[in-house]
Amino acid sequence: MCLGIPGEIVELLDGQPDLARVDVSGVRRAVNIALLEEERVGPGDWVLIHVGFAMSKIDEAEARAALDFLESIGQAYEDEIAALRESGTD
């Protein structure tokens, strides 16, 4: 199962304008933000991530609601976080 997972941008990567380091439930990974070039995202912004790409900018309340829902579905969410943790693409 593939899920869109909310994450908070913690930094934009120097010399790589299409990448940002994003915190997803305590796991930090580089995420491609090129699809959001019109949005002007930066540290503190929340994005919805799918397969390594930030698909949309969302507000913190929406991110929290999505995280609460994802945590409530249990194993599928845990599997996604485990896959992200193991991906080694930080």
Protein backbone atom coordinates (compact mmCIF):
# COMPACT_ATOMS: atom_id res chain seq x y z
CA MET A 1 0.00 0.00 0.00
CA CYS A 2 1.27 3.48 -0.83
CA LEU A 3 0.15 6.41 1.25
CA GLY A 4 0.54 10.15 1.05
CA ILE A 5 2.20 11.04 4.34
CA PRO A 6 2.48 14.52 5.87
CA GLY A 7 5.94 15.79 6.72
CA GLU A 8 7.39 19.05 7.99
CA ILE A 9 10.18 20.71 6.05
CA VAL A 10 13.15 21.24 8.37
CA GLU A 11 15.63 22.64 5.83
CA LEU A 12 16.17 23.36 2.16
CA LEU A 13 19.30 21.60 0.92
CA ASP A 14 22.11 23.90 -0.21
CA GLY A 15 23.07 23.52 -3.85
CA GLN A 16 20.04 21.31 -4.51
CA PRO A 17 17.09 23.64 -5.10
CA ASP A 18 14.66 20.77 -5.72
CA LEU A 19 15.37 19.00 -2.42
CA ALA A 20 14.36 19.60 1.17
CA ARG A 21 14.97 17.63 4.34
CA VAL A 22 11.59 16.66 5.74
CA ASP A 23 10.65 15.17 9.11
CA VAL A 24 8.04 12.42 8.88
CA SER A 25 7.11 11.12 12.32
CA GLY A 26 10.70 11.48 13.52
CA VAL A 27 12.32 10.14 10.36
CA ARG A 28 14.22 12.72 8.30
CA ARG A 29 14.69 12.22 4.58
CA ALA A 30 15.45 14.28 1.50
CA VAL A 31 12.27 14.87 -0.49
CA ASN A 32 11.90 16.32 -3.96
CA ILE A 33 9.96 19.61 -3.80
CA ALA A 34 10.17 20.49 -7.51
CA LEU A 35 6.42 20.00 -7.99
CA LEU A 36 5.80 22.81 -5.50
CA GLU A 37 7.93 25.51 -7.10
CA GLU A 38 4.91 27.83 -7.31
CA GLU A 39 4.16 27.31 -3.59
CA ARG A 40 7.46 28.69 -2.19
CA VAL A 41 7.87 26.18 0.60
CA GLY A 42 10.45 26.44 3.37
CA PRO A 43 11.32 25.30 6.88
CA GLY A 44 8.23 24.95 9.05
CA ASP A 45 5.91 24.25 6.11
CA TRP A 46 4.01 20.97 5.92
CA VAL A 47 3.81 18.94 2.71
CA LEU A 48 2.05 15.77 1.64
CA ILE A 49 4.65 13.25 0.42
CA HIS A 50 4.19 10.32 -1.94
CA VAL A 51 7.08 8.16 -3.22
CA GLY A 52 9.70 10.76 -2.37
CA PHE A 53 7.92 13.75 -3.88
CA ALA A 54 6.12 16.56 -2.08
CA MET A 55 2.76 16.58 -3.87
CA SER A 56 1.11 19.54 -2.13
CA LYS A 57 1.58 22.05 0.63
CA ILE A 58 -0.85 21.59 3.53
CA ASP A 59 -1.47 23.49 6.73
CA GLU A 60 -0.42 22.15 10.11
CA ALA A 61 -3.98 21.33 11.21
CA GLU A 62 -4.53 19.24 8.07
CA ALA A 63 -1.16 17.54 8.61
CA ARG A 64 -2.03 16.68 12.22
CA ALA A 65 -5.44 15.31 11.22
CA ALA A 66 -3.84 13.18 8.50
CA LEU A 67 -1.18 11.88 10.89
CA ASP A 68 -3.83 11.01 13.47
CA PHE A 69 -5.78 9.10 10.82
CA LEU A 70 -2.70 7.30 9.52
CA GLU A 71 -1.70 6.28 13.02
CA SER A 72 -5.22 4.95 13.59
CA ILE A 73 -4.99 2.55 10.63
CA GLY A 74 -2.12 0.81 12.33
CA GLN A 75 0.07 -1.61 10.43
CA ALA A 76 -0.12 0.01 6.99
CA TYR A 77 1.19 3.26 8.45
CA GLU A 78 3.87 1.48 10.46
CA ASP A 79 4.96 -0.34 7.28
CA GLU A 80 5.28 2.98 5.41
CA ILE A 81 7.35 4.55 8.20
CA ALA A 82 9.57 1.45 8.37
CA ALA A 83 10.12 1.59 4.60
CA LEU A 84 10.98 5.28 4.84
CA ARG A 85 13.39 4.65 7.72
CA GLU A 86 15.10 1.84 5.78
CA SER A 87 15.29 3.70 2.47
CA GLY A 88 18.58 5.34 3.41
CA THR A 89 17.95 8.32 1.13
CA ASP A 90 18.58 11.04 3.68
